[in-house]
Amino acid sequence: MPNAIIRVSKKAAIYRGFTITKSPRTPVRPRNLYGISKEGVYYGCEFAAAEAMRFIDRLYAERSMRNV
């Protein structure tokens, strides 16, 4: 079963235990940013929610490779 994204609010979602927070566009930054964090640790940001989810999937893949 694929992992689901759970919408917590208009600007936040949970995916595989990570919080994806949407930052609004600004005149300086005309694109939305999606910040990635878990348990107070900030992992960076992406320009699309799908990219943020792909980043989290890569973190899980790297972790499972280390545990083999």
PDB file of N, CA and C in Angstrom:
ATOM      1  N   MET A   1       0.840  -1.181   0.000  1.00  0.00           N
ATOM      2  CA  MET A   1       0.000   0.000   0.000  1.00  0.00           C
ATOM      3  C   MET A   1       0.885   1.243   0.000  1.00  0.00           C
ATOM      4  N   PRO A   2       0.666   2.169  -0.922  1.00  0.00           N
ATOM      5  CA  PRO A   2       1.465   3.393  -0.949  1.00  0.00           C
ATOM      6  C   PRO A   2       1.156   4.268   0.261  1.00  0.00           C
ATOM      7  N   ASN A   3       2.128   5.059   0.647  1.00  0.00           N
ATOM      8  CA  ASN A   3       1.944   5.968   1.777  1.00  0.00           C
ATOM      9  C   ASN A   3       1.069   7.134   1.341  1.00  0.00           C
ATOM     10  N   ALA A   4       0.194   7.540   2.223  1.00  0.00           N
ATOM     11  CA  ALA A   4      -0.740   8.622   1.912  1.00  0.00           C
ATOM     12  C   ALA A   4      -0.266   9.918   2.551  1.00  0.00           C
ATOM     13  N   ILE A   5      -0.600  11.006   1.904  1.00  0.00           N
ATOM     14  CA  ILE A   5      -0.343  12.318   2.482  1.00  0.00           C
ATOM     15  C   ILE A   5      -1.599  12.718   3.241  1.00  0.00           C
ATOM     16  N   ILE A   6      -1.422  13.135   4.486  1.00  0.00           N
ATOM     17  CA  ILE A   6      -2.543  13.503   5.350  1.00  0.00           C
ATOM     18  C   ILE A   6      -2.545  15.016   5.508  1.00  0.00           C
ATOM     19  N   ARG A   7      -3.596  15.656   5.045  1.00  0.00           N
ATOM     20  CA  ARG A   7      -3.718  17.106   5.120  1.00  0.00           C
ATOM     21  C   ARG A   7      -4.112  17.485   6.545  1.00  0.00           C
ATOM     22  N   VAL A   8      -3.273  18.269   7.222  1.00  0.00           N
ATOM     23  CA  VAL A   8      -3.529  18.700   8.589  1.00  0.00           C
ATOM     24  C   VAL A   8      -4.231  20.051   8.593  1.00  0.00           C
ATOM     25  N   SER A   9      -3.805  20.925   7.700  1.00  0.00           N
ATOM     26  CA  SER A   9      -4.418  22.244   7.560  1.00  0.00           C
ATOM     27  C   SER A   9      -4.216  22.699   6.118  1.00  0.00           C
ATOM     28  N   LYS A  10      -4.608  23.919   5.856  1.00  0.00           N
ATOM     29  CA  LYS A  10      -4.453  24.455   4.500  1.00  0.00           C
ATOM     30  C   LYS A  10      -2.978  24.537   4.087  1.00  0.00           C
ATOM     31  N   LYS A  11      -2.103  24.716   5.059  1.00  0.00           N
ATOM     32  CA  LYS A  11      -0.683  24.907   4.756  1.00  0.00           C
ATOM     33  C   LYS A  11       0.230  23.812   5.279  1.00  0.00           C
ATOM     34  N   ALA A  12      -0.316  22.729   5.835  1.00  0.00           N
ATOM     35  CA  ALA A  12       0.535  21.679   6.391  1.00  0.00           C
ATOM     36  C   ALA A  12      -0.035  20.297   6.100  1.00  0.00           C
ATOM     37  N   ALA A  13       0.882  19.350   5.895  1.00  0.00           N
ATOM     38  CA  ALA A  13       0.502  17.960   5.654  1.00  0.00           C
ATOM     39  C   ALA A  13       1.545  17.049   6.292  1.00  0.00           C
ATOM     40  N   ILE A  14       1.143  15.817   6.555  1.00  0.00           N
ATOM     41  CA  ILE A  14       2.038  14.810   7.121  1.00  0.00           C
ATOM     42  C   ILE A  14       2.231  13.721   6.072  1.00  0.00           C
ATOM     43  N   TYR A  15       3.490  13.340   5.840  1.00  0.00           N
ATOM     44  CA  TYR A  15       3.803  12.262   4.913  1.00  0.00           C
ATOM     45  C   TYR A  15       4.923  11.428   5.515  1.00  0.00           C
ATOM     46  N   ARG A  16       4.638  10.169   5.810  1.00  0.00           N
ATOM     47  CA  ARG A  16       5.606   9.223   6.382  1.00  0.00           C
ATOM     48  C   ARG A  16       6.254   9.769   7.653  1.00  0.00           C
ATOM     49  N   GLY A  17       5.475  10.491   8.452  1.00  0.00           N
ATOM     50  CA  GLY A  17       5.981  11.032   9.710  1.00  0.00           C
ATOM     51  C   GLY A  17       6.657  12.385   9.589  1.00  0.00           C
ATOM     52  N   PHE A  18       6.845  12.881   8.378  1.00  0.00           N
ATOM     53  CA  PHE A  18       7.450  14.191   8.139  1.00  0.00           C
ATOM     54  C   PHE A  18       6.348  15.227   7.946  1.00  0.00           C
ATOM     55  N   THR A  19       6.619  16.446   8.349  1.00  0.00           N
ATOM     56  CA  THR A  19       5.695  17.549   8.135  1.00  0.00           C
ATOM     57  C   THR A  19       6.139  18.325   6.908  1.00  0.00           C
ATOM     58  N   ILE A  20       5.214  18.530   5.981  1.00  0.00           N
ATOM     59  CA  ILE A  20       5.462  19.345   4.794  1.00  0.00           C
ATOM     60  C   ILE A  20       4.636  20.614   4.959  1.00  0.00           C
ATOM     61  N   THR A  21       5.311  21.751   5.061  1.00  0.00           N
ATOM     62  CA  THR A  21       4.655  23.030   5.291  1.00  0.00           C
ATOM     63  C   THR A  21       4.773  23.906   4.053  1.00  0.00           C
ATOM     64  N   LYS A  22       3.652  24.416   3.588  1.00  0.00           N
ATOM     65  CA  LYS A  22       3.622  25.263   2.389  1.00  0.00           C
ATOM     66  C   LYS A  22       3.830  26.716   2.792  1.00  0.00           C
ATOM     67  N   SER A  23       4.833  27.352   2.195  1.00  0.00           N
ATOM     68  CA  SER A  23       5.086  28.776   2.408  1.00  0.00           C
ATOM     69  C   SER A  23       4.503  29.551   1.232  1.00  0.00           C
ATOM     70  N   PRO A  24       3.888  30.688   1.498  1.00  0.00           N
ATOM     71  CA  PRO A  24       3.250  31.439   0.407  1.00  0.00           C
ATOM     72  C   PRO A  24       4.258  32.095  -0.531  1.00  0.00           C
ATOM     73  N   ARG A  25       3.763  32.451  -1.676  1.00  0.00           N
ATOM     74  CA  ARG A  25       4.567  33.205  -2.646  1.00  0.00           C
ATOM     75  C   ARG A  25       4.780  34.612  -2.122  1.00  0.00           C
ATOM     76  N   THR A  26       5.885  35.218  -2.538  1.00  0.00           N
ATOM     77  CA  THR A  26       6.169  36.608  -2.185  1.00  0.00           C
ATOM     78  C   THR A  26       6.621  37.320  -3.459  1.00  0.00           C
ATOM     79  N   PRO A  27       6.673  38.639  -3.449  1.00  0.00           N
ATOM     80  CA  PRO A  27       7.177  39.340  -4.635  1.00  0.00           C
ATOM     81  C   PRO A  27       8.622  38.949  -4.977  1.00  0.00           C
ATOM     82  N   VAL A  28       9.402  38.619  -3.969  1.00  0.00           N
ATOM     83  CA  VAL A  28      10.790  38.221  -4.186  1.00  0.00           C
ATOM     84  C   VAL A  28      10.873  36.779  -4.678  1.00  0.00           C
ATOM     85  N   ARG A  29       9.981  35.924  -4.167  1.00  0.00           N
ATOM     86  CA  ARG A  29       9.967  34.505  -4.516  1.00  0.00           C
ATOM     87  C   ARG A  29       8.592  34.170  -5.105  1.00  0.00           C
ATOM     88  N   PRO A  30       8.465  34.167  -6.435  1.00  0.00           N
ATOM     89  CA  PRO A  30       7.152  33.982  -7.055  1.00  0.00           C
ATOM     90  C   PRO A  30       6.627  32.549  -7.040  1.00  0.00           C
ATOM     91  N   ARG A  31       7.312  31.634  -6.383  1.00  0.00           N
ATOM     92  CA  ARG A  31       6.855  30.241  -6.306  1.00  0.00           C
ATOM     93  C   ARG A  31       6.637  29.853  -4.849  1.00  0.00           C
ATOM     94  N   ASN A  32       5.719  28.929  -4.626  1.00  0.00           N
ATOM     95  CA  ASN A  32       5.526  28.387  -3.288  1.00  0.00           C
ATOM     96  C   ASN A  32       6.731  27.531  -2.921  1.00  0.00           C
ATOM     97  N   LEU A  33       7.036  27.483  -1.638  1.00  0.00           N
ATOM     98  CA  LEU A  33       8.068  26.586  -1.133  1.00  0.00           C
ATOM     99  C   LEU A  33       7.417  25.609  -0.167  1.00  0.00           C
ATOM    100  N   TYR A  34       7.917  24.394  -0.144  1.00  0.00           N
ATOM    101  CA  TYR A  34       7.406  23.355   0.740  1.00  0.00           C
ATOM    102  C   TYR A  34       8.536  22.905   1.645  1.00  0.00           C
ATOM    103  N   GLY A  35       8.475  23.323   2.918  1.00  0.00           N
ATOM    104  CA  GLY A  35       9.496  22.970   3.886  1.00  0.00           C
ATOM    105  C   GLY A  35       9.269  21.574   4.432  1.00  0.00           C
ATOM    106  N   ILE A  36      10.349  20.859   4.689  1.00  0.00           N
ATOM    107  CA  ILE A  36      10.292  19.477   5.166  1.00  0.00           C
ATOM    108  C   ILE A  36      10.954  19.418   6.540  1.00  0.00           C
ATOM    109  N   SER A  37      10.212  18.884   7.526  1.00  0.00           N
ATOM    110  CA  SER A  37      10.774  18.749   8.868  1.00  0.00           C
ATOM    111  C   SER A  37      10.201  17.521   9.550  1.00  0.00           C
ATOM    112  N   LYS A  38      10.926  17.076  10.582  1.00  0.00           N
ATOM    113  CA  LYS A  38      10.457  15.954  11.399  1.00  0.00           C
ATOM    114  C   LYS A  38      11.060  16.100  12.787  1.00  0.00           C
ATOM    115  N   GLU A  39      10.203  16.089  13.790  1.00  0.00           N
ATOM    116  CA  GLU A  39      10.622  16.169  15.191  1.00  0.00           C
ATOM    117  C   GLU A  39      11.574  17.334  15.442  1.00  0.00           C
ATOM    118  N   GLY A  40      11.282  18.479  14.871  1.00  0.00           N
ATOM    119  CA  GLY A  40      12.081  19.674  15.099  1.00  0.00           C
ATOM    120  C   GLY A  40      13.329  19.793  14.244  1.00  0.00           C
ATOM    121  N   VAL A  41      13.609  18.808  13.404  1.00  0.00           N
ATOM    122  CA  VAL A  41      14.778  18.852  12.520  1.00  0.00           C
ATOM    123  C   VAL A  41      14.306  19.271  11.132  1.00  0.00           C
ATOM    124  N   TYR A  42      14.910  20.332  10.609  1.00  0.00           N
ATOM    125  CA  TYR A  42      14.532  20.863   9.297  1.00  0.00           C
ATOM    126  C   TYR A  42      15.408  20.220   8.227  1.00  0.00           C
ATOM    127  N   TYR A  43      14.784  19.668   7.189  1.00  0.00           N
ATOM    128  CA  TYR A  43      15.514  18.962   6.138  1.00  0.00           C
ATOM    129  C   TYR A  43      15.639  19.756   4.847  1.00  0.00           C
ATOM    130  N   GLY A  44      15.097  20.952   4.775  1.00  0.00           N
ATOM    131  CA  GLY A  44      15.199  21.758   3.570  1.00  0.00           C
ATOM    132  C   GLY A  44      13.837  22.035   2.966  1.00  0.00           C
ATOM    133  N   CYS A  45      13.858  22.514   1.717  1.00  0.00           N
ATOM    134  CA  CYS A  45      12.597  22.837   1.057  1.00  0.00           C
ATOM    135  C   CYS A  45      12.666  22.481  -0.422  1.00  0.00           C
ATOM    136  N   GLU A  46      11.508  22.312  -1.003  1.00  0.00           N
ATOM    137  CA  GLU A  46      11.353  21.989  -2.418  1.00  0.00           C
ATOM    138  C   GLU A  46      10.329  22.948  -3.015  1.00  0.00           C
ATOM    139  N   PHE A  47      10.254  22.993  -4.338  1.00  0.00           N
ATOM    140  CA  PHE A  47       9.325  23.893  -5.009  1.00  0.00           C
ATOM    141  C   PHE A  47       7.977  23.258  -5.311  1.00  0.00           C
ATOM    142  N   ALA A  48       7.791  21.984  -5.032  1.00  0.00           N
ATOM    143  CA  ALA A  48       6.509  21.310  -5.255  1.00  0.00           C
ATOM    144  C   ALA A  48       6.307  20.254  -4.177  1.00  0.00           C
ATOM    145  N   ALA A  49       5.046  19.997  -3.839  1.00  0.00           N
ATOM    146  CA  ALA A  49       4.743  18.994  -2.831  1.00  0.00           C
ATOM    147  C   ALA A  49       5.223  17.615  -3.287  1.00  0.00           C
ATOM    148  N   ALA A  50       5.088  17.318  -4.576  1.00  0.00           N
ATOM    149  CA  ALA A  50       5.543  16.021  -5.096  1.00  0.00           C
ATOM    150  C   ALA A  50       7.054  15.869  -4.942  1.00  0.00           C
ATOM    151  N   GLU A  51       7.799  16.947  -5.136  1.00  0.00           N
ATOM    152  CA  GLU A  51       9.250  16.894  -4.951  1.00  0.00           C
ATOM    153  C   GLU A  51       9.593  16.664  -3.479  1.00  0.00           C
ATOM    154  N   ALA A  52       8.839  17.266  -2.585  1.00  0.00           N
ATOM    155  CA  ALA A  52       9.065  17.065  -1.150  1.00  0.00           C
ATOM    156  C   ALA A  52       8.810  15.606  -0.781  1.00  0.00           C
ATOM    157  N   MET A  53       7.747  15.018  -1.321  1.00  0.00           N
ATOM    158  CA  MET A  53       7.441  13.616  -1.050  1.00  0.00           C
ATOM    159  C   MET A  53       8.530  12.708  -1.627  1.00  0.00           C
ATOM    160  N   ARG A  54       9.033  13.020  -2.810  1.00  0.00           N
ATOM    161  CA  ARG A  54      10.117  12.244  -3.420  1.00  0.00           C
ATOM    162  C   ARG A  54      11.378  12.317  -2.560  1.00  0.00           C
ATOM    163  N   PHE A  55      11.667  13.494  -2.003  1.00  0.00           N
ATOM    164  CA  PHE A  55      12.821  13.669  -1.120  1.00  0.00           C
ATOM    165  C   PHE A  55      12.687  12.780   0.116  1.00  0.00           C
ATOM    166  N   ILE A  56      11.503  12.745   0.709  1.00  0.00           N
ATOM    167  CA  ILE A  56      11.264  11.911   1.886  1.00  0.00           C
ATOM    168  C   ILE A  56      11.412  10.439   1.524  1.00  0.00           C
ATOM    169  N   ASP A  57      10.904  10.036   0.373  1.00  0.00           N
ATOM    170  CA  ASP A  57      11.053   8.645  -0.073  1.00  0.00           C
ATOM    171  C   ASP A  57      12.529   8.273  -0.227  1.00  0.00           C
ATOM    172  N   ARG A  58      13.333   9.215  -0.747  1.00  0.00           N
ATOM    173  CA  ARG A  58      14.773   8.956  -0.881  1.00  0.00           C
ATOM    174  C   ARG A  58      15.435   8.800   0.485  1.00  0.00           C
ATOM    175  N   LEU A  59      15.017   9.616   1.467  1.00  0.00           N
ATOM    176  CA  LEU A  59      15.564   9.463   2.822  1.00  0.00           C
ATOM    177  C   LEU A  59      15.268   8.078   3.368  1.00  0.00           C
ATOM    178  N   TYR A  60      14.047   7.601   3.181  1.00  0.00           N
ATOM    179  CA  TYR A  60      13.689   6.257   3.641  1.00  0.00           C
ATOM    180  C   TYR A  60      14.478   5.195   2.894  1.00  0.00           C
ATOM    181  N   ALA A  61      14.675   5.368   1.592  1.00  0.00           N
ATOM    182  CA  ALA A  61      15.431   4.383   0.797  1.00  0.00           C
ATOM    183  C   ALA A  61      16.884   4.317   1.273  1.00  0.00           C
ATOM    184  N   GLU A  62      17.494   5.466   1.539  1.00  0.00           N
ATOM    185  CA  GLU A  62      18.877   5.501   2.023  1.00  0.00           C
ATOM    186  C   GLU A  62      18.976   4.848   3.396  1.00  0.00           C
ATOM    187  N   ARG A  63      17.996   5.092   4.250  1.00  0.00           N
ATOM    188  CA  ARG A  63      18.007   4.494   5.579  1.00  0.00           C
ATOM    189  C   ARG A  63      17.869   2.981   5.507  1.00  0.00           C
ATOM    190  N   SER A  64      17.022   2.490   4.607  1.00  0.00           N
ATOM    191  CA  SER A  64      16.847   1.042   4.497  1.00  0.00           C
ATOM    192  C   SER A  64      18.101   0.389   3.899  1.00  0.00           C
ATOM    193  N   MET A  65      18.835   1.098   3.046  1.00  0.00           N
ATOM    194  CA  MET A  65      20.078   0.564   2.482  1.00  0.00           C
ATOM    195  C   MET A  65      21.140   0.422   3.571  1.00  0.00           C
ATOM    196  N   ARG A  66      21.160   1.337   4.521  1.00  0.00           N
ATOM    197  CA  ARG A  66      22.133   1.273   5.616  1.00  0.00           C
ATOM    198  C   ARG A  66      21.820   0.138   6.579  1.00  0.00           C
ATOM    199  N   ASN A  67      20.553  -0.213   6.695  1.00  0.00           N
ATOM    200  CA  ASN A  67      20.141  -1.257   7.650  1.00  0.00           C
ATOM    201  C   ASN A  67      20.271  -2.655   7.087  1.00  0.00           C
ATOM    202  N   VAL A  68      20.680  -2.791   5.830  1.00  0.00           N
ATOM    203  CA  VAL A  68      20.796  -4.124   5.204  1.00  0.00           C
ATOM    204  C   VAL A  68      22.064  -4.796   5.649  1.00  0.00           C
TER     205      VAL A  68
END
